[in-house]
Amino acid sequence: MPDGAIAIDAWHLALSAGFVVLAGAVSLGLRLGLEGKLALASARTVGQLLLVGYVLGWVFELEEPFVVLVLLTLMIAAAARAAVQRSTRRIPGVGLMAFSMLALTGLATTLGATEVVIGVEPWWRPRYVVPLLGMVLGNGLTGMSLCLDELLSSLDEQRARVETELSLGATRWEAARAPLRESIRRGMIPILNSMMVVGVVSLPGMMTGQILEGADPLMAVRYQIVIMFMLAGATSFGCMLLALLVYRRLFNPRHQLRAELITRS
């Protein structure tokens, strides 16, 4: 059997669309009203992925560090925007906070993996750094959006309790410690769940892709272990740092909660 994945052409893509058509038919039969959303989501999936495929092909062939940096910046900006939009509440400047934390944790873990762990030469080689950062950002934005939503919701809904504790002499850290802890814990749930079942219930995308390309399964597993550790580290630090930034924004030096800054999305 020849190595490498079997090529997929337009006919194969059309056949695979049958799965979505079947789901749409079920929606129509049960009157769920999801067929329109399925069609829109499918069209966006095809359009976005084809566009990304052409862009990545150009970037991989060009291999210019400035172009790679621009692409990474756009990826981080898109991830930060998605993280903020998924939260039901916001505060002024939260978009910049999310961008800063995703840039810091995403680039640190990705460059650490390419430069120290894998030893890519050069470290910014797009074939490695772009997909690795993409996976880190995808998981990081999910964790950070859950963390942000939990923290702002808790402080908004428990405003009376927090202000009572502050009026009785509690410091801002003592009053905010429980919501902070719970928000970070919630943000970590998705990656922890993934790590608990990886290889048993699910085979992650990168590992599956390498196996389809004919790579040694053990080598694919080693790459996936590196990825999972990257995701865990980036998500945990991202949630912690974002929660602390929000905490500093909402509590002033006089140990007062500025709940008026919290708005619903």
Protein backbone atom coordinates (compact mmCIF):
# COMPACT_ATOMS: atom_id res chain seq x y z
CA MET A 1 0.00 0.00 0.00
CA PRO A 2 1.50 3.38 -0.94
CA ASP A 3 2.27 5.84 1.81
CA GLY A 4 0.34 9.07 2.18
CA ALA A 5 -3.30 9.97 2.46
CA ILE A 6 -5.71 9.20 -0.38
CA ALA A 7 -6.34 12.34 -2.43
CA ILE A 8 -9.76 13.99 -2.06
CA ASP A 9 -11.24 15.79 -5.05
CA ALA A 10 -14.41 17.85 -5.57
CA TRP A 11 -16.48 14.70 -6.10
CA HIS A 12 -15.48 13.34 -2.70
CA LEU A 13 -16.38 16.67 -1.08
CA ALA A 14 -19.79 16.58 -2.75
CA LEU A 15 -20.39 13.06 -1.46
CA SER A 16 -19.42 14.08 2.07
CA ALA A 17 -22.02 16.87 1.92
CA GLY A 18 -24.60 14.09 2.00
CA PHE A 19 -24.08 13.82 5.76
CA VAL A 20 -25.18 17.43 6.20
CA VAL A 21 -28.08 16.98 3.79
CA LEU A 22 -29.24 14.01 5.87
CA ALA A 23 -29.03 16.08 9.05
CA GLY A 24 -31.05 18.82 7.33
CA ALA A 25 -33.69 16.30 6.31
CA VAL A 26 -34.00 15.13 9.92
CA SER A 27 -34.36 18.75 11.01
CA LEU A 28 -37.14 19.26 8.48
CA GLY A 29 -38.89 16.07 9.51
CA LEU A 30 -38.81 16.96 13.20
CA ARG A 31 -39.46 20.67 12.51
CA LEU A 32 -36.35 21.72 14.41
CA GLY A 33 -35.74 24.72 12.21
CA LEU A 34 -32.00 24.03 11.99
CA GLU A 35 -31.72 23.39 8.26
CA GLY A 36 -30.98 27.05 7.46
CA LYS A 37 -28.24 27.22 10.06
CA LEU A 38 -26.80 23.94 8.81
CA ALA A 39 -26.69 25.27 5.26
CA LEU A 40 -25.05 28.53 6.34
CA ALA A 41 -22.55 26.76 8.59
CA SER A 42 -21.68 24.32 5.80
CA ALA A 43 -21.18 27.12 3.27
CA ARG A 44 -18.96 29.05 5.69
CA THR A 45 -16.98 25.90 6.47
CA VAL A 46 -16.24 25.29 2.80
CA GLY A 47 -15.46 28.91 2.02
CA GLN A 48 -13.30 29.56 5.07
CA LEU A 49 -11.30 26.35 4.82
CA LEU A 50 -10.68 26.70 1.08
CA LEU A 51 -9.52 30.28 1.63
CA VAL A 52 -7.24 29.17 4.47
CA GLY A 53 -5.88 26.37 2.31
CA TYR A 54 -4.85 28.77 -0.47
CA VAL A 55 -3.38 31.28 2.00
CA LEU A 56 -1.38 28.64 3.87
CA GLY A 57 -0.10 27.16 0.62
CA TRP A 58 1.18 30.61 -0.36
CA VAL A 59 2.71 31.26 3.07
CA PHE A 60 4.37 27.85 3.26
CA GLU A 61 5.90 28.32 -0.17
CA LEU A 62 7.03 31.89 0.51
CA GLU A 63 8.57 31.22 3.96
CA GLU A 64 9.09 34.90 4.81
CA PRO A 65 9.27 35.70 8.56
CA PHE A 66 7.38 39.01 8.19
CA VAL A 67 4.50 37.32 6.37
CA VAL A 68 4.40 34.60 9.02
CA LEU A 69 4.30 37.25 11.78
CA VAL A 70 1.40 39.05 10.09
CA LEU A 71 -0.52 35.80 9.75
CA LEU A 72 0.08 34.89 13.41
CA THR A 73 -1.08 38.35 14.51
CA LEU A 74 -4.29 38.01 12.50
CA MET A 75 -4.90 34.57 14.01
CA ILE A 76 -4.46 35.93 17.54
CA ALA A 77 -6.75 38.89 16.85
CA ALA A 78 -9.48 36.60 15.48
CA ALA A 79 -9.16 34.28 18.49
CA ALA A 80 -9.37 37.20 20.94
CA ARG A 81 -12.49 38.52 19.23
CA ALA A 82 -14.12 35.09 19.35
CA ALA A 83 -13.24 34.66 23.04
CA VAL A 84 -14.87 37.97 23.98
CA GLN A 85 -17.95 37.41 21.81
CA ARG A 86 -18.66 34.05 23.45
CA SER A 87 -18.95 35.64 26.88
CA THR A 88 -22.37 36.93 27.97
CA ARG A 89 -20.79 39.87 29.80
CA ARG A 90 -17.98 42.29 29.07
CA ILE A 91 -15.96 45.10 30.60
CA PRO A 92 -14.12 47.97 28.88
CA GLY A 93 -10.78 46.87 27.46
CA VAL A 94 -11.49 43.16 27.69
CA GLY A 95 -10.71 42.67 23.99
CA LEU A 96 -7.18 44.00 24.46
CA MET A 97 -6.79 41.84 27.57
CA ALA A 98 -7.80 38.72 25.66
CA PHE A 99 -5.50 39.59 22.76
CA SER A 100 -2.56 40.18 25.10
CA MET A 101 -3.06 36.93 26.99
CA LEU A 102 -3.54 34.85 23.85
CA ALA A 103 -0.47 36.42 22.28
CA LEU A 104 1.64 35.88 25.40
CA THR A 105 0.61 32.32 26.20
CA GLY A 106 0.10 31.20 22.59
CA LEU A 107 3.41 32.47 21.25
CA ALA A 108 5.34 31.41 24.34
CA THR A 109 4.15 27.80 24.20
CA THR A 110 4.31 27.56 20.41
CA LEU A 111 7.80 29.00 20.12
CA GLY A 112 8.92 26.93 23.09
CA ALA A 113 7.72 23.81 21.30
CA THR A 114 9.26 24.66 17.92
CA GLU A 115 12.55 26.00 19.29
CA VAL A 116 13.20 23.89 22.41
CA VAL A 117 11.15 20.69 22.19
CA ILE A 118 10.99 19.88 18.46
CA GLY A 119 14.01 21.90 17.33
CA VAL A 120 12.55 23.40 14.15
CA GLU A 121 15.03 25.31 11.96
CA PRO A 122 14.25 28.15 11.62
CA TRP A 123 11.95 28.42 14.64
CA TRP A 124 9.37 30.45 12.65
CA ARG A 125 9.02 27.82 9.90
CA PRO A 126 5.35 28.27 8.93
CA ARG A 127 4.62 24.59 8.32
CA TYR A 128 5.13 24.04 12.06
CA VAL A 129 4.40 27.32 13.82
CA VAL A 130 1.10 28.14 12.08
CA PRO A 131 -0.80 24.88 12.78
CA LEU A 132 0.66 24.62 16.29
CA LEU A 133 -0.41 28.15 17.20
CA GLY A 134 -3.80 27.51 15.61
CA MET A 135 -4.41 24.55 17.91
CA VAL A 136 -3.25 26.50 20.96
CA LEU A 137 -5.49 29.45 20.09
CA GLY A 138 -8.51 27.24 19.41
CA ASN A 139 -8.32 25.66 22.84
CA GLY A 140 -7.14 28.81 24.58
CA LEU A 141 -10.04 30.96 23.39
CA THR A 142 -12.55 28.34 24.56
CA GLY A 143 -11.01 28.20 28.03
CA MET A 144 -10.61 31.95 28.33
CA SER A 145 -14.17 32.67 27.18
CA LEU A 146 -15.54 30.26 29.79
CA CYS A 147 -13.29 31.77 32.45
CA LEU A 148 -14.30 35.32 31.53
CA ASP A 149 -18.00 34.52 31.43
CA GLU A 150 -17.92 32.75 34.80
CA LEU A 151 -15.94 35.52 36.52
CA LEU A 152 -18.02 38.43 35.23
CA SER A 153 -21.31 36.60 35.82
CA SER A 154 -20.33 35.71 39.38
CA LEU A 155 -19.24 39.24 40.28
CA ASP A 156 -22.34 40.72 38.64
CA GLU A 157 -24.84 38.32 40.21
CA GLN A 158 -23.10 38.20 43.60
CA ARG A 159 -22.46 41.92 43.80
CA ALA A 160 -24.35 42.30 47.09
CA ARG A 161 -22.36 39.54 48.78
CA VAL A 162 -19.03 40.85 47.55
CA GLU A 163 -19.79 44.43 48.62
CA THR A 164 -20.99 43.20 52.01
CA GLU A 165 -17.71 41.38 52.56
CA LEU A 166 -15.78 44.46 51.53
CA SER A 167 -17.80 46.67 53.88
CA LEU A 168 -17.06 44.29 56.74
CA GLY A 169 -13.31 44.66 56.26
CA ALA A 170 -12.45 42.01 53.69
CA THR A 171 -9.76 42.92 51.19
CA ARG A 172 -10.53 42.93 47.47
CA TRP A 173 -8.56 39.69 47.11
CA GLU A 174 -10.50 37.97 49.89
CA ALA A 175 -13.83 39.06 48.39
CA ALA A 176 -12.90 38.01 44.85
CA ARG A 177 -10.95 34.83 45.63
CA ALA A 178 -13.88 32.39 45.31
CA PRO A 179 -15.15 33.76 41.95
CA LEU A 180 -11.57 33.84 40.64
CA ARG A 181 -10.91 30.27 41.65
CA GLU A 182 -14.18 29.00 40.17
CA SER A 183 -13.71 30.89 36.89
CA ILE A 184 -10.23 29.45 36.35
CA ARG A 185 -11.50 25.99 37.19
CA ARG A 186 -14.31 26.32 34.65
CA GLY A 187 -11.94 27.54 31.96
CA MET A 188 -9.75 24.48 32.47
CA ILE A 189 -12.57 21.93 32.20
CA PRO A 190 -12.52 21.45 28.38
CA ILE A 191 -8.77 20.76 28.10
CA LEU A 192 -8.78 18.54 31.19
CA ASN A 193 -11.66 16.51 29.77
CA SER A 194 -9.82 16.18 26.46
CA MET A 195 -6.66 14.98 28.19
CA MET A 196 -8.60 12.38 30.18
CA VAL A 197 -10.04 10.68 27.07
CA VAL A 198 -7.42 11.36 24.38
CA GLY A 199 -6.41 8.14 22.66
CA VAL A 200 -9.24 6.21 24.34
CA VAL A 201 -12.38 7.98 23.15
CA SER A 202 -10.94 10.41 20.59
CA LEU A 203 -7.97 10.57 18.23
CA PRO A 204 -6.98 14.25 17.89
CA GLY A 205 -6.75 15.89 14.49
CA MET A 206 -2.98 16.27 14.28
CA MET A 207 -2.37 12.66 15.25
CA THR A 208 -5.00 11.42 12.80
CA GLY A 209 -3.55 13.55 10.02
CA GLN A 210 -0.07 12.21 10.53
CA ILE A 211 -1.31 8.62 10.57
CA LEU A 212 -3.25 9.19 7.34
CA GLU A 213 -0.07 10.57 5.79
CA GLY A 214 1.68 7.30 6.60
CA ALA A 215 3.67 8.38 9.69
CA ASP A 216 4.65 5.85 12.33
CA PRO A 217 1.77 5.77 14.87
CA LEU A 218 4.22 6.02 17.78
CA MET A 219 5.80 9.12 16.28
CA ALA A 220 2.33 10.61 15.75
CA VAL A 221 1.54 9.85 19.39
CA ARG A 222 4.69 11.64 20.55
CA TYR A 223 3.74 14.73 18.58
CA GLN A 224 0.25 14.60 20.05
CA ILE A 225 1.60 14.35 23.60
CA VAL A 226 3.62 17.51 22.98
CA ILE A 227 0.49 19.20 21.64
CA MET A 228 -1.64 18.22 24.63
CA PHE A 229 0.96 19.52 27.07
CA MET A 230 1.15 22.77 25.08
CA LEU A 231 -2.61 23.17 25.18
CA ALA A 232 -2.81 22.49 28.90
CA GLY A 233 -0.06 24.95 29.71
CA ALA A 234 -1.32 27.72 27.44
CA THR A 235 -4.94 27.37 28.57
CA SER A 236 -4.14 27.29 32.28
CA PHE A 237 -1.81 30.29 32.18
CA GLY A 238 -4.16 32.18 29.85
CA CYS A 239 -7.14 31.69 32.17
CA MET A 240 -5.14 32.64 35.26
CA LEU A 241 -3.65 35.78 33.75
CA LEU A 242 -6.91 36.94 32.17
CA ALA A 243 -8.79 36.42 35.45
CA LEU A 244 -6.18 38.47 37.31
CA LEU A 245 -6.35 41.28 34.73
CA VAL A 246 -10.14 41.41 35.01
CA TYR A 247 -9.85 41.36 38.80
CA ARG A 248 -7.46 44.33 38.78
CA ARG A 249 -9.80 46.17 36.41
CA LEU A 250 -12.92 45.66 38.54
CA PHE A 251 -11.46 46.31 42.01
CA ASN A 252 -9.82 49.66 42.69
CA PRO A 253 -7.00 50.27 45.24
CA ARG A 254 -9.62 51.36 47.80
CA HIS A 255 -11.01 47.80 47.77
CA GLN A 256 -14.24 48.73 46.00
CA LEU A 257 -16.03 46.67 43.36
CA ARG A 258 -16.68 48.62 40.15
CA ALA A 259 -19.64 46.51 39.10
CA GLU A 260 -20.96 49.30 36.86
CA LEU A 261 -18.23 48.38 34.36
CA ILE A 262 -19.85 44.97 33.71
CA THR A 263 -22.27 45.05 30.78
CA ARG A 264 -24.24 42.32 29.05
CA SER A 265 -23.19 41.39 25.51
